[in-house]
PDB file of N, CA and C in Angstrom:
ATOM      1  N   UNK A   1     -61.157  68.457  23.819  1.00  0.00           N
ATOM      2  CA  UNK A   1     -62.537  68.035  23.729  1.00  0.00           C
ATOM      3  C   UNK A   1     -63.412  69.187  24.170  1.00  0.00           C
ATOM      4  N   UNK A   2     -64.501  69.399  23.464  1.00  0.00           N
ATOM      5  CA  UNK A   2     -65.454  70.442  23.801  1.00  0.00           C
ATOM      6  C   UNK A   2     -66.851  69.848  23.808  1.00  0.00           C
ATOM      7  N   UNK A   3     -67.583  69.995  24.891  1.00  0.00           N
ATOM      8  CA  UNK A   3     -68.987  69.592  24.954  1.00  0.00           C
ATOM      9  C   UNK A   3     -69.825  70.840  25.093  1.00  0.00           C
ATOM     10  N   UNK A   4     -70.805  70.977  24.211  1.00  0.00           N
ATOM     11  CA  UNK A   4     -71.706  72.118  24.317  1.00  0.00           C
ATOM     12  C   UNK A   4     -72.962  71.658  25.039  1.00  0.00           C
ATOM     13  N   UNK A   5     -73.226  72.226  26.171  1.00  0.00           N
ATOM     14  CA  UNK A   5     -74.407  71.934  26.957  1.00  0.00           C
ATOM     15  C   UNK A   5     -75.260  73.186  27.015  1.00  0.00           C
ATOM     16  N   UNK A   6     -76.435  73.054  27.547  1.00  0.00           N
ATOM     17  CA  UNK A   6     -77.281  74.229  27.699  1.00  0.00           C
ATOM     18  C   UNK A   6     -76.621  75.238  28.627  1.00  0.00           C
ATOM     19  N   UNK A   7     -75.798  74.763  29.555  1.00  0.00           N
ATOM     20  CA  UNK A   7     -75.141  75.647  30.503  1.00  0.00           C
ATOM     21  C   UNK A   7     -73.870  76.270  29.938  1.00  0.00           C
ATOM     22  N   UNK A   8     -73.296  75.710  28.891  1.00  0.00           N
ATOM     23  CA  UNK A   8     -72.042  76.217  28.345  1.00  0.00           C
ATOM     24  C   UNK A   8     -71.208  75.093  27.763  1.00  0.00           C
ATOM     25  N   UNK A   9     -69.885  75.326  27.641  1.00  0.00           N
ATOM     26  CA  UNK A   9     -68.972  74.346  27.044  1.00  0.00           C
ATOM     27  C   UNK A   9     -68.017  73.777  28.084  1.00  0.00           C
ATOM     28  N   UNK A  10     -67.582  72.559  27.819  1.00  0.00           N
ATOM     29  CA  UNK A  10     -66.538  71.929  28.624  1.00  0.00           C
ATOM     30  C   UNK A  10     -65.395  71.616  27.676  1.00  0.00           C
ATOM     31  N   UNK A  11     -64.220  72.152  27.969  1.00  0.00           N
ATOM     32  CA  UNK A  11     -63.031  71.921  27.128  1.00  0.00           C
ATOM     33  C   UNK A  11     -61.967  71.261  27.987  1.00  0.00           C
ATOM     34  N   UNK A  12     -61.437  70.132  27.516  1.00  0.00           N
ATOM     35  CA  UNK A  12     -60.368  69.425  28.224  1.00  0.00           C
ATOM     36  C   UNK A  12     -59.064  69.723  27.500  1.00  0.00           C
ATOM     37  N   UNK A  13     -58.112  70.321  28.202  1.00  0.00           N
ATOM     38  CA  UNK A  13     -56.862  70.743  27.561  1.00  0.00           C
ATOM     39  C   UNK A  13     -55.954  69.552  27.262  1.00  0.00           C
ATOM     40  N   UNK A  14     -55.054  69.769  26.319  1.00  0.00           N
ATOM     41  CA  UNK A  14     -54.060  68.756  25.969  1.00  0.00           C
ATOM     42  C   UNK A  14     -53.219  68.382  27.190  1.00  0.00           C
ATOM     43  N   UNK A  15     -52.892  69.365  28.029  1.00  0.00           N
ATOM     44  CA  UNK A  15     -52.073  69.106  29.218  1.00  0.00           C
ATOM     45  C   UNK A  15     -52.766  68.152  30.187  1.00  0.00           C
ATOM     46  N   UNK A  16     -54.087  68.274  30.311  1.00  0.00           N
ATOM     47  CA  UNK A  16     -54.839  67.384  31.198  1.00  0.00           C
ATOM     48  C   UNK A  16     -54.783  65.956  30.665  1.00  0.00           C
ATOM     49  N   UNK A  17     -55.006  65.788  29.375  1.00  0.00           N
ATOM     50  CA  UNK A  17     -54.944  64.458  28.761  1.00  0.00           C
ATOM     51  C   UNK A  17     -53.535  63.879  28.911  1.00  0.00           C
ATOM     52  N   UNK A  18     -52.507  64.702  28.716  1.00  0.00           N
ATOM     53  CA  UNK A  18     -51.122  64.243  28.856  1.00  0.00           C
ATOM     54  C   UNK A  18     -50.824  63.816  30.290  1.00  0.00           C
ATOM     55  N   UNK A  19     -51.336  64.542  31.259  1.00  0.00           N
ATOM     56  CA  UNK A  19     -51.117  64.190  32.665  1.00  0.00           C
ATOM     57  C   UNK A  19     -51.780  62.862  33.001  1.00  0.00           C
ATOM     58  N   UNK A  20     -53.022  62.677  32.560  1.00  0.00           N
ATOM     59  CA  UNK A  20     -53.732  61.415  32.799  1.00  0.00           C
ATOM     60  C   UNK A  20     -52.963  60.258  32.164  1.00  0.00           C
ATOM     61  N   UNK A  21     -52.532  60.444  30.926  1.00  0.00           N
ATOM     62  CA  UNK A  21     -51.791  59.394  30.218  1.00  0.00           C
ATOM     63  C   UNK A  21     -50.473  59.080  30.920  1.00  0.00           C
ATOM     64  N   UNK A  22     -49.758  60.108  31.364  1.00  0.00           N
ATOM     65  CA  UNK A  22     -48.479  59.910  32.040  1.00  0.00           C
ATOM     66  C   UNK A  22     -48.614  59.167  33.355  1.00  0.00           C
ATOM     67  N   UNK A  23     -49.632  59.521  34.131  1.00  0.00           N
ATOM     68  CA  UNK A  23     -49.848  58.834  35.407  1.00  0.00           C
ATOM     69  C   UNK A  23     -50.241  57.380  35.188  1.00  0.00           C
ATOM     70  N   UNK A  24     -51.114  57.133  34.208  1.00  0.00           N
ATOM     71  CA  UNK A  24     -51.513  55.756  33.894  1.00  0.00           C
ATOM     72  C   UNK A  24     -50.311  54.950  33.413  1.00  0.00           C
ATOM     73  N   UNK A  25     -49.440  55.576  32.650  1.00  0.00           N
ATOM     74  CA  UNK A  25     -48.245  54.889  32.151  1.00  0.00           C
ATOM     75  C   UNK A  25     -47.341  54.468  33.303  1.00  0.00           C
ATOM     76  N   UNK A  26     -47.121  55.367  34.253  1.00  0.00           N
ATOM     77  CA  UNK A  26     -46.229  55.066  35.374  1.00  0.00           C
ATOM     78  C   UNK A  26     -46.792  53.990  36.299  1.00  0.00           C
ATOM     79  N   UNK A  27     -48.111  53.789  36.271  1.00  0.00           N
ATOM     80  CA  UNK A  27     -48.741  52.741  37.084  1.00  0.00           C
ATOM     81  C   UNK A  27     -48.661  51.370  36.416  1.00  0.00           C
ATOM     82  N   UNK A  28     -48.182  51.317  35.188  1.00  0.00           N
ATOM     83  CA  UNK A  28     -48.120  50.065  34.432  1.00  0.00           C
ATOM     84  C   UNK A  28     -46.909  49.239  34.862  1.00  0.00           C
ATOM     85  N   UNK A  29     -47.118  47.967  35.246  1.00  0.00           N
ATOM     86  CA  UNK A  29     -45.991  47.110  35.614  1.00  0.00           C
ATOM     87  C   UNK A  29     -44.992  46.995  34.468  1.00  0.00           C
ATOM     88  N   UNK A  30     -43.718  47.134  34.798  1.00  0.00           N
ATOM     89  CA  UNK A  30     -42.667  47.029  33.796  1.00  0.00           C
ATOM     90  C   UNK A  30     -42.169  48.367  33.288  1.00  0.00           C
ATOM     91  N   UNK A  31     -42.934  49.435  33.526  1.00  0.00           N
ATOM     92  CA  UNK A  31     -42.492  50.775  33.128  1.00  0.00           C
ATOM     93  C   UNK A  31     -41.663  51.344  34.272  1.00  0.00           C
ATOM     94  N   UNK A  32     -40.370  51.559  34.014  1.00  0.00           N
ATOM     95  CA  UNK A  32     -39.479  52.090  35.049  1.00  0.00           C
ATOM     96  C   UNK A  32     -39.572  53.606  35.144  1.00  0.00           C
ATOM     97  N   UNK A  33     -39.738  54.267  33.981  1.00  0.00           N
ATOM     98  CA  UNK A  33     -39.776  55.734  33.956  1.00  0.00           C
ATOM     99  C   UNK A  33     -40.269  56.194  32.596  1.00  0.00           C
ATOM    100  N   UNK A  34     -40.588  57.473  32.535  1.00  0.00           N
ATOM    101  CA  UNK A  34     -40.898  58.113  31.259  1.00  0.00           C
ATOM    102  C   UNK A  34     -39.600  58.731  30.756  1.00  0.00           C
ATOM    103  N   UNK A  35     -39.457  58.811  29.436  1.00  0.00           N
ATOM    104  CA  UNK A  35     -38.245  59.357  28.834  1.00  0.00           C
ATOM    105  C   UNK A  35     -38.573  60.674  28.157  1.00  0.00           C
ATOM    106  N   UNK A  36     -37.826  61.730  28.507  1.00  0.00           N
ATOM    107  CA  UNK A  36     -38.113  63.054  27.966  1.00  0.00           C
ATOM    108  C   UNK A  36     -37.663  63.267  26.543  1.00  0.00           C
ATOM    109  N   UNK A  37     -36.522  62.779  26.173  1.00  0.00           N
ATOM    110  CA  UNK A  37     -36.026  62.963  24.817  1.00  0.00           C
ATOM    111  C   UNK A  37     -35.435  64.345  24.601  1.00  0.00           C
ATOM    112  N   UNK A  38     -34.689  64.499  23.517  1.00  0.00           N
ATOM    113  CA  UNK A  38     -33.997  65.748  23.204  1.00  0.00           C
ATOM    114  C   UNK A  38     -34.968  66.854  22.840  1.00  0.00           C
ATOM    115  N   UNK A  39     -35.955  66.552  21.993  1.00  0.00           N
ATOM    116  CA  UNK A  39     -36.865  67.600  21.515  1.00  0.00           C
ATOM    117  C   UNK A  39     -37.695  68.181  22.645  1.00  0.00           C
ATOM    118  N   UNK A  40     -38.054  67.356  23.620  1.00  0.00           N
ATOM    119  CA  UNK A  40     -38.839  67.860  24.740  1.00  0.00           C
ATOM    120  C   UNK A  40     -38.017  68.813  25.595  1.00  0.00           C
ATOM    121  N   UNK A  41     -36.741  68.488  25.811  1.00  0.00           N
ATOM    122  CA  UNK A  41     -35.865  69.380  26.568  1.00  0.00           C
ATOM    123  C   UNK A  41     -35.693  70.709  25.872  1.00  0.00           C
ATOM    124  N   UNK A  42     -35.561  70.682  24.555  1.00  0.00           N
ATOM    125  CA  UNK A  42     -35.438  71.906  23.776  1.00  0.00           C
ATOM    126  C   UNK A  42     -36.722  72.724  23.850  1.00  0.00           C
ATOM    127  N   UNK A  43     -37.864  72.063  23.722  1.00  0.00           N
ATOM    128  CA  UNK A  43     -39.151  72.768  23.785  1.00  0.00           C
ATOM    129  C   UNK A  43     -39.339  73.427  25.146  1.00  0.00           C
ATOM    130  N   UNK A  44     -38.923  72.736  26.207  1.00  0.00           N
ATOM    131  CA  UNK A  44     -39.046  73.295  27.551  1.00  0.00           C
ATOM    132  C   UNK A  44     -38.181  74.539  27.698  1.00  0.00           C
ATOM    133  N   UNK A  45     -36.955  74.481  27.156  1.00  0.00           N
ATOM    134  CA  UNK A  45     -36.069  75.643  27.250  1.00  0.00           C
ATOM    135  C   UNK A  45     -36.605  76.817  26.440  1.00  0.00           C
ATOM    136  N   UNK A  46     -37.136  76.545  25.257  1.00  0.00           N
ATOM    137  CA  UNK A  46     -37.609  77.622  24.386  1.00  0.00           C
ATOM    138  C   UNK A  46     -38.897  78.254  24.898  1.00  0.00           C
ATOM    139  N   UNK A  47     -39.813  77.433  25.398  1.00  0.00           N
ATOM    140  CA  UNK A  47     -41.119  77.957  25.794  1.00  0.00           C
ATOM    141  C   UNK A  47     -41.185  78.328  27.265  1.00  0.00           C
ATOM    142  N   UNK A  48     -40.294  77.759  28.069  1.00  0.00           N
ATOM    143  CA  UNK A  48     -40.364  77.991  29.502  1.00  0.00           C
ATOM    144  C   UNK A  48     -41.448  77.150  30.161  1.00  0.00           C
ATOM    145  N   UNK A  49     -42.160  76.328  29.375  1.00  0.00           N
ATOM    146  CA  UNK A  49     -43.222  75.479  29.913  1.00  0.00           C
ATOM    147  C   UNK A  49     -42.644  74.160  30.381  1.00  0.00           C
ATOM    148  N   UNK A  50     -43.255  73.614  31.393  1.00  0.00           N
ATOM    149  CA  UNK A  50     -42.846  72.322  31.908  1.00  0.00           C
ATOM    150  C   UNK A  50     -43.718  71.260  31.248  1.00  0.00           C
ATOM    151  N   UNK A  51     -43.256  70.693  30.135  1.00  0.00           N
ATOM    152  CA  UNK A  51     -44.032  69.706  29.393  1.00  0.00           C
ATOM    153  C   UNK A  51     -44.136  68.407  30.187  1.00  0.00           C
ATOM    154  N   UNK A  52     -45.219  67.649  29.959  1.00  0.00           N
ATOM    155  CA  UNK A  52     -45.391  66.347  30.590  1.00  0.00           C
ATOM    156  C   UNK A  52     -44.317  65.418  30.042  1.00  0.00           C
ATOM    157  N   UNK A  53     -43.434  64.953  30.888  1.00  0.00           N
ATOM    158  CA  UNK A  53     -42.271  64.168  30.458  1.00  0.00           C
ATOM    159  C   UNK A  53     -42.690  62.874  29.761  1.00  0.00           C
ATOM    160  N   UNK A  54     -42.200  62.698  28.535  1.00  0.00           N
ATOM    161  CA  UNK A  54     -42.410  61.461  27.804  1.00  0.00           C
ATOM    162  C   UNK A  54     -43.784  61.272  27.199  1.00  0.00           C
ATOM    163  N   UNK A  55     -44.629  62.297  27.216  1.00  0.00           N
ATOM    164  CA  UNK A  55     -45.993  62.173  26.695  1.00  0.00           C
ATOM    165  C   UNK A  55     -46.278  63.298  25.718  1.00  0.00           C
ATOM    166  N   UNK A  56     -46.761  62.920  24.537  1.00  0.00           N
ATOM    167  CA  UNK A  56     -47.236  63.897  23.559  1.00  0.00           C
ATOM    168  C   UNK A  56     -48.658  63.505  23.192  1.00  0.00           C
ATOM    169  N   UNK A  57     -49.544  64.477  23.114  1.00  0.00           N
ATOM    170  CA  UNK A  57     -50.935  64.179  22.767  1.00  0.00           C
ATOM    171  C   UNK A  57     -51.424  65.112  21.677  1.00  0.00           C
ATOM    172  N   UNK A  58     -52.391  64.626  20.943  1.00  0.00           N
ATOM    173  CA  UNK A  58     -53.119  65.438  19.984  1.00  0.00           C
ATOM    174  C   UNK A  58     -54.592  65.215  20.302  1.00  0.00           C
ATOM    175  N   UNK A  59     -55.284  66.280  20.698  1.00  0.00           N
ATOM    176  CA  UNK A  59     -56.668  66.166  21.135  1.00  0.00           C
ATOM    177  C   UNK A  59     -57.570  66.924  20.173  1.00  0.00           C
ATOM    178  N   UNK A  60     -58.595  66.228  19.690  1.00  0.00           N
ATOM    179  CA  UNK A  60     -59.590  66.848  18.825  1.00  0.00           C
ATOM    180  C   UNK A  60     -60.896  67.049  19.575  1.00  0.00           C
ATOM    181  N   UNK A  61     -61.978  67.212  18.833  1.00  0.00           N
ATOM    182  CA  UNK A  61     -63.292  67.415  19.452  1.00  0.00           C
ATOM    183  C   UNK A  61     -63.747  66.187  20.239  1.00  0.00           C
ATOM    184  N   UNK A  62     -63.545  64.987  19.654  1.00  0.00           N
ATOM    185  CA  UNK A  62     -64.034  63.766  20.300  1.00  0.00           C
ATOM    186  C   UNK A  62     -62.986  62.655  20.360  1.00  0.00           C
ATOM    187  N   UNK A  63     -61.796  62.895  19.816  1.00  0.00           N
ATOM    188  CA  UNK A  63     -60.763  61.866  19.762  1.00  0.00           C
ATOM    189  C   UNK A  63     -59.429  62.382  20.287  1.00  0.00           C
ATOM    190  N   UNK A  64     -58.576  61.422  20.667  1.00  0.00           N
ATOM    191  CA  UNK A  64     -57.222  61.766  21.106  1.00  0.00           C
ATOM    192  C   UNK A  64     -56.244  60.716  20.591  1.00  0.00           C
ATOM    193  N   UNK A  65     -55.042  61.160  20.251  1.00  0.00           N
ATOM    194  CA  UNK A  65     -53.935  60.278  19.893  1.00  0.00           C
ATOM    195  C   UNK A  65     -52.802  60.567  20.868  1.00  0.00           C
ATOM    196  N   UNK A  66     -52.153  59.518  21.343  1.00  0.00           N
ATOM    197  CA  UNK A  66     -51.157  59.659  22.407  1.00  0.00           C
ATOM    198  C   UNK A  66     -49.861  58.963  22.002  1.00  0.00           C
ATOM    199  N   UNK A  67     -48.736  59.654  22.203  1.00  0.00           N
ATOM    200  CA  UNK A  67     -47.405  59.091  21.981  1.00  0.00           C
ATOM    201  C   UNK A  67     -46.671  59.068  23.318  1.00  0.00           C
ATOM    202  N   UNK A  68     -46.105  57.912  23.659  1.00  0.00           N
ATOM    203  CA  UNK A  68     -45.394  57.740  24.925  1.00  0.00           C
ATOM    204  C   UNK A  68     -43.962  57.298  24.660  1.00  0.00           C
ATOM    205  N   UNK A  69     -43.038  57.855  25.441  1.00  0.00           N
ATOM    206  CA  UNK A  69     -41.635  57.447  25.397  1.00  0.00           C
ATOM    207  C   UNK A  69     -41.278  56.935  26.791  1.00  0.00           C
ATOM    208  N   UNK A  70     -40.852  55.665  26.855  1.00  0.00           N
ATOM    209  CA  UNK A  70     -40.658  55.033  28.161  1.00  0.00           C
ATOM    210  C   UNK A  70     -39.295  54.363  28.299  1.00  0.00           C
ATOM    211  N   UNK A  71     -38.978  54.046  29.557  1.00  0.00           N
ATOM    212  CA  UNK A  71     -37.846  53.201  29.918  1.00  0.00           C
ATOM    213  C   UNK A  71     -38.459  51.983  30.604  1.00  0.00           C
ATOM    214  N   UNK A  72     -38.094  50.782  30.146  1.00  0.00           N
ATOM    215  CA  UNK A  72     -38.658  49.565  30.721  1.00  0.00           C
ATOM    216  C   UNK A  72     -37.706  48.963  31.747  1.00  0.00           C
ATOM    217  N   UNK A  73     -38.279  48.154  32.646  1.00  0.00           N
ATOM    218  CA  UNK A  73     -37.471  47.443  33.629  1.00  0.00           C
ATOM    219  C   UNK A  73     -36.833  46.229  32.962  1.00  0.00           C
ATOM    220  N   UNK A  74     -35.581  45.983  33.280  1.00  0.00           N
ATOM    221  CA  UNK A  74     -34.858  44.841  32.727  1.00  0.00           C
ATOM    222  C   UNK A  74     -35.527  43.534  33.153  1.00  0.00           C
ATOM    223  N   UNK A  75     -35.610  42.583  32.215  1.00  0.00           N
ATOM    224  CA  UNK A  75     -36.108  41.251  32.532  1.00  0.00           C
ATOM    225  C   UNK A  75     -37.580  41.041  32.256  1.00  0.00           C
ATOM    226  N   UNK A  76     -38.306  42.078  31.926  1.00  0.00           N
ATOM    227  CA  UNK A  76     -39.736  41.959  31.642  1.00  0.00           C
ATOM    228  C   UNK A  76     -39.923  42.079  30.130  1.00  0.00           C
ATOM    229  N   UNK A  77     -40.693  41.160  29.515  1.00  0.00           N
ATOM    230  CA  UNK A  77     -40.878  41.197  28.060  1.00  0.00           C
ATOM    231  C   UNK A  77     -41.431  42.545  27.582  1.00  0.00           C
ATOM    232  N   UNK A  78     -40.706  43.182  26.683  1.00  0.00           N
ATOM    233  CA  UNK A  78     -41.056  44.529  26.225  1.00  0.00           C
ATOM    234  C   UNK A  78     -42.404  44.558  25.520  1.00  0.00           C
ATOM    235  N   UNK A  79     -42.700  43.555  24.693  1.00  0.00           N
ATOM    236  CA  UNK A  79     -43.989  43.529  23.986  1.00  0.00           C
ATOM    237  C   UNK A  79     -45.154  43.481  24.977  1.00  0.00           C
ATOM    238  N   UNK A  80     -44.988  42.706  26.039  1.00  0.00           N
ATOM    239  CA  UNK A  80     -46.025  42.594  27.066  1.00  0.00           C
ATOM    240  C   UNK A  80     -46.218  43.933  27.791  1.00  0.00           C
ATOM    241  N   UNK A  81     -45.119  44.579  28.140  1.00  0.00           N
ATOM    242  CA  UNK A  81     -45.196  45.893  28.792  1.00  0.00           C
ATOM    243  C   UNK A  81     -45.907  46.884  27.874  1.00  0.00           C
ATOM    244  N   UNK A  82     -45.548  46.870  26.594  1.00  0.00           N
ATOM    245  CA  UNK A  82     -46.157  47.786  25.635  1.00  0.00           C
ATOM    246  C   UNK A  82     -47.655  47.594  25.503  1.00  0.00           C
ATOM    247  N   UNK A  83     -48.092  46.333  25.415  1.00  0.00           N
ATOM    248  CA  UNK A  83     -49.536  46.064  25.295  1.00  0.00           C
ATOM    249  C   UNK A  83     -50.290  46.511  26.544  1.00  0.00           C
ATOM    250  N   UNK A  84     -49.741  46.176  27.717  1.00  0.00           N
ATOM    251  CA  UNK A  84     -50.392  46.597  28.968  1.00  0.00           C
ATOM    252  C   UNK A  84     -50.447  48.116  29.068  1.00  0.00           C
ATOM    253  N   UNK A  85     -49.364  48.748  28.667  1.00  0.00           N
ATOM    254  CA  UNK A  85     -49.288  50.206  28.699  1.00  0.00           C
ATOM    255  C   UNK A  85     -50.361  50.819  27.808  1.00  0.00           C
ATOM    256  N   UNK A  86     -50.493  50.320  26.587  1.00  0.00           N
ATOM    257  CA  UNK A  86     -51.515  50.834  25.676  1.00  0.00           C
ATOM    258  C   UNK A  86     -52.912  50.677  26.270  1.00  0.00           C
ATOM    259  N   UNK A  87     -53.199  49.516  26.852  1.00  0.00           N
ATOM    260  CA  UNK A  87     -54.511  49.268  27.455  1.00  0.00           C
ATOM    261  C   UNK A  87     -54.768  50.203  28.634  1.00  0.00           C
ATOM    262  N   UNK A  88     -53.789  50.322  29.537  1.00  0.00           N
ATOM    263  CA  UNK A  88     -53.968  51.161  30.728  1.00  0.00           C
ATOM    264  C   UNK A  88     -54.195  52.627  30.371  1.00  0.00           C
ATOM    265  N   UNK A  89     -53.394  53.140  29.451  1.00  0.00           N
ATOM    266  CA  UNK A  89     -53.503  54.548  29.074  1.00  0.00           C
ATOM    267  C   UNK A  89     -54.826  54.806  28.357  1.00  0.00           C
ATOM    268  N   UNK A  90     -55.183  53.931  27.423  1.00  0.00           N
ATOM    269  CA  UNK A  90     -56.451  54.087  26.696  1.00  0.00           C
ATOM    270  C   UNK A  90     -57.630  54.107  27.673  1.00  0.00           C
ATOM    271  N   UNK A  91     -57.650  53.146  28.584  1.00  0.00           N
ATOM    272  CA  UNK A  91     -58.749  53.042  29.543  1.00  0.00           C
ATOM    273  C   UNK A  91     -58.827  54.281  30.442  1.00  0.00           C
ATOM    274  N   UNK A  92     -57.695  54.714  30.962  1.00  0.00           N
ATOM    275  CA  UNK A  92     -57.690  55.870  31.868  1.00  0.00           C
ATOM    276  C   UNK A  92     -58.174  57.134  31.167  1.00  0.00           C
ATOM    277  N   UNK A  93     -57.651  57.403  29.976  1.00  0.00           N
ATOM    278  CA  UNK A  93     -58.030  58.628  29.257  1.00  0.00           C
ATOM    279  C   UNK A  93     -59.494  58.577  28.844  1.00  0.00           C
ATOM    280  N   UNK A  94     -59.945  57.444  28.321  1.00  0.00           N
ATOM    281  CA  UNK A  94     -61.345  57.345  27.894  1.00  0.00           C
ATOM    282  C   UNK A  94     -62.299  57.466  29.075  1.00  0.00           C
ATOM    283  N   UNK A  95     -61.983  56.800  30.199  1.00  0.00           N
ATOM    284  CA  UNK A  95     -62.863  56.859  31.371  1.00  0.00           C
ATOM    285  C   UNK A  95     -62.935  58.250  31.983  1.00  0.00           C
ATOM    286  N   UNK A  96     -61.801  58.948  32.050  1.00  0.00           N
ATOM    287  CA  UNK A  96     -61.792  60.255  32.711  1.00  0.00           C
ATOM    288  C   UNK A  96     -62.264  61.400  31.826  1.00  0.00           C
ATOM    289  N   UNK A  97     -62.070  61.278  30.506  1.00  0.00           N
ATOM    290  CA  UNK A  97     -62.378  62.409  29.628  1.00  0.00           C
ATOM    291  C   UNK A  97     -63.562  62.184  28.704  1.00  0.00           C
ATOM    292  N   UNK A  98     -63.905  60.934  28.427  1.00  0.00           N
ATOM    293  CA  UNK A  98     -64.953  60.648  27.457  1.00  0.00           C
ATOM    294  C   UNK A  98     -64.466  60.708  26.017  1.00  0.00           C
ATOM    295  N   UNK A  99     -63.191  61.021  25.820  1.00  0.00           N
ATOM    296  CA  UNK A  99     -62.617  61.051  24.473  1.00  0.00           C
ATOM    297  C   UNK A  99     -62.403  59.625  23.967  1.00  0.00           C
ATOM    298  N   UNK A 100     -62.517  59.425  22.663  1.00  0.00           N
ATOM    299  CA  UNK A 100     -62.185  58.155  22.039  1.00  0.00           C
ATOM    300  C   UNK A 100     -60.694  58.185  21.704  1.00  0.00           C
ATOM    301  N   UNK A 101     -59.923  57.307  22.331  1.00  0.00           N
ATOM    302  CA  UNK A 101     -58.484  57.253  22.071  1.00  0.00           C
ATOM    303  C   UNK A 101     -58.273  56.392  20.828  1.00  0.00           C
ATOM    304  N   UNK A 102     -57.826  57.027  19.740  1.00  0.00           N
ATOM    305  CA  UNK A 102     -57.680  56.323  18.464  1.00  0.00           C
ATOM    306  C   UNK A 102     -56.349  55.591  18.348  1.00  0.00           C
ATOM    307  N   UNK A 103     -55.327  56.046  19.055  1.00  0.00           N
ATOM    308  CA  UNK A 103     -54.054  55.326  19.052  1.00  0.00           C
ATOM    309  C   UNK A 103     -53.214  55.707  20.256  1.00  0.00           C
ATOM    310  N   UNK A 104     -52.463  54.710  20.728  1.00  0.00           N
ATOM    311  CA  UNK A 104     -51.463  54.918  21.778  1.00  0.00           C
ATOM    312  C   UNK A 104     -50.172  54.312  21.240  1.00  0.00           C
ATOM    313  N   UNK A 105     -49.247  55.163  20.858  1.00  0.00           N
ATOM    314  CA  UNK A 105     -47.964  54.729  20.307  1.00  0.00           C
ATOM    315  C   UNK A 105     -46.923  54.720  21.415  1.00  0.00           C
ATOM    316  N   UNK A 106     -46.130  53.650  21.467  1.00  0.00           N
ATOM    317  CA  UNK A 106     -45.127  53.491  22.520  1.00  0.00           C
ATOM    318  C   UNK A 106     -43.746  53.377  21.883  1.00  0.00           C
ATOM    319  N   UNK A 107     -42.820  54.201  22.361  1.00  0.00           N
ATOM    320  CA  UNK A 107     -41.421  54.107  21.934  1.00  0.00           C
ATOM    321  C   UNK A 107     -40.585  53.794  23.172  1.00  0.00           C
ATOM    322  N   UNK A 108     -39.914  52.650  23.147  1.00  0.00           N
ATOM    323  CA  UNK A 108     -39.049  52.255  24.258  1.00  0.00           C
ATOM    324  C   UNK A 108     -37.672  52.847  23.993  1.00  0.00           C
ATOM    325  N   UNK A 109     -37.234  53.730  24.891  1.00  0.00           N
ATOM    326  CA  UNK A 109     -35.973  54.442  24.695  1.00  0.00           C
ATOM    327  C   UNK A 109     -34.862  53.994  25.630  1.00  0.00           C
ATOM    328  N   UNK A 110     -35.155  53.034  26.511  1.00  0.00           N
ATOM    329  CA  UNK A 110     -34.112  52.584  27.416  1.00  0.00           C
ATOM    330  C   UNK A 110     -34.557  51.418  28.275  1.00  0.00           C
ATOM    331  N   UNK A 111     -33.578  50.820  28.958  1.00  0.00           N
ATOM    332  CA  UNK A 111     -33.810  49.720  29.885  1.00  0.00           C
ATOM    333  C   UNK A 111     -33.182  50.109  31.215  1.00  0.00           C
ATOM    334  N   UNK A 112     -33.938  49.946  32.287  1.00  0.00           N
ATOM    335  CA  UNK A 112     -33.433  50.273  33.626  1.00  0.00           C
ATOM    336  C   UNK A 112     -33.125  48.984  34.378  1.00  0.00           C
ATOM    337  N   UNK A 113     -32.010  48.989  35.070  1.00  0.00           N
ATOM    338  CA  UNK A 113     -31.615  47.862  35.893  1.00  0.00           C
ATOM    339  C   UNK A 113     -31.942  48.191  37.335  1.00  0.00           C
ATOM    340  N   UNK A 114     -32.030  47.183  38.178  1.00  0.00           N
ATOM    341  CA  UNK A 114     -32.416  47.382  39.580  1.00  0.00           C
ATOM    342  C   UNK A 114     -31.606  48.480  40.260  1.00  0.00           C
ATOM    343  N   UNK A 115     -30.303  48.509  40.050  1.00  0.00           N
ATOM    344  CA  UNK A 115     -29.453  49.513  40.694  1.00  0.00           C
ATOM    345  C   UNK A 115     -29.825  50.926  40.275  1.00  0.00           C
ATOM    346  N   UNK A 116     -30.291  51.098  39.033  1.00  0.00           N
ATOM    347  CA  UNK A 116     -30.638  52.425  38.528  1.00  0.00           C
ATOM    348  C   UNK A 116     -31.966  52.916  39.077  1.00  0.00           C
ATOM    349  N   UNK A 117     -32.844  51.971  39.478  1.00  0.00           N
ATOM    350  CA  UNK A 117     -34.179  52.345  39.915  1.00  0.00           C
ATOM    351  C   UNK A 117     -34.209  52.862  41.346  1.00  0.00           C
ATOM    352  N   UNK A 118     -33.226  52.489  42.160  1.00  0.00           N
ATOM    353  CA  UNK A 118     -33.233  52.912  43.551  1.00  0.00           C
ATOM    354  C   UNK A 118     -32.476  54.220  43.698  1.00  0.00           C
ATOM    355  N   UNK A 119     -32.976  55.049  44.578  1.00  0.00           N
ATOM    356  CA  UNK A 119     -32.304  56.318  44.832  1.00  0.00           C
ATOM    357  C   UNK A 119     -31.092  56.076  45.716  1.00  0.00           C
ATOM    358  N   UNK A 120     -30.124  56.948  45.589  1.00  0.00           N
ATOM    359  CA  UNK A 120     -28.946  56.839  46.436  1.00  0.00           C
ATOM    360  C   UNK A 120     -29.333  57.179  47.870  1.00  0.00           C
ATOM    361  N   UNK A 121     -28.837  56.396  48.832  1.00  0.00           N
ATOM    362  CA  UNK A 121     -29.145  56.723  50.227  1.00  0.00           C
ATOM    363  C   UNK A 121     -28.440  58.016  50.628  1.00  0.00           C
ATOM    364  N   UNK A 122     -29.003  58.670  51.619  1.00  0.00           N
ATOM    365  CA  UNK A 122     -28.375  59.889  52.133  1.00  0.00           C
ATOM    366  C   UNK A 122     -27.033  59.534  52.757  1.00  0.00           C
ATOM    367  N   UNK A 123     -26.044  60.355  52.473  1.00  0.00           N
ATOM    368  CA  UNK A 123     -24.715  60.107  53.034  1.00  0.00           C
ATOM    369  C   UNK A 123     -24.630  60.591  54.476  1.00  0.00           C
ATOM    370  N   UNK A 124     -25.466  61.520  54.835  1.00  0.00           N
ATOM    371  CA  UNK A 124     -25.421  62.092  56.176  1.00  0.00           C
ATOM    372  C   UNK A 124     -26.719  61.762  56.892  1.00  0.00           C
ATOM    373  N   UNK A 125     -26.593  61.302  58.130  1.00  0.00           N
ATOM    374  CA  UNK A 125     -27.792  60.975  58.912  1.00  0.00           C
ATOM    375  C   UNK A 125     -28.018  62.005  59.971  1.00  0.00           C
TER     376      UNK A 125
END
């Protein structure tokens, strides 16, 4: 996004939009984690950049499109999680950036069970 003011321009980078979307996604009930996928791992190795895990964005002058790859918590209706996720991400990005979010696409790539969500306790005290 670029705003031309009398003082100059304001440009919001794709990485900023991806970070906002990723944080909003993780705050959504039912989302256990973001999923990186194979192509993201390859892109990270090739470019050396640390891409926002599970988030792809396309940002124009006044609009943004967002693709999310997630892991849902077991036992929570996936359609409900997806709708809440779309609403939360759209609201966060629009409020913080002023961009019009034209679409939020969600791909569910896994299901997490309670045992998988907790970290292993330290073996040594």
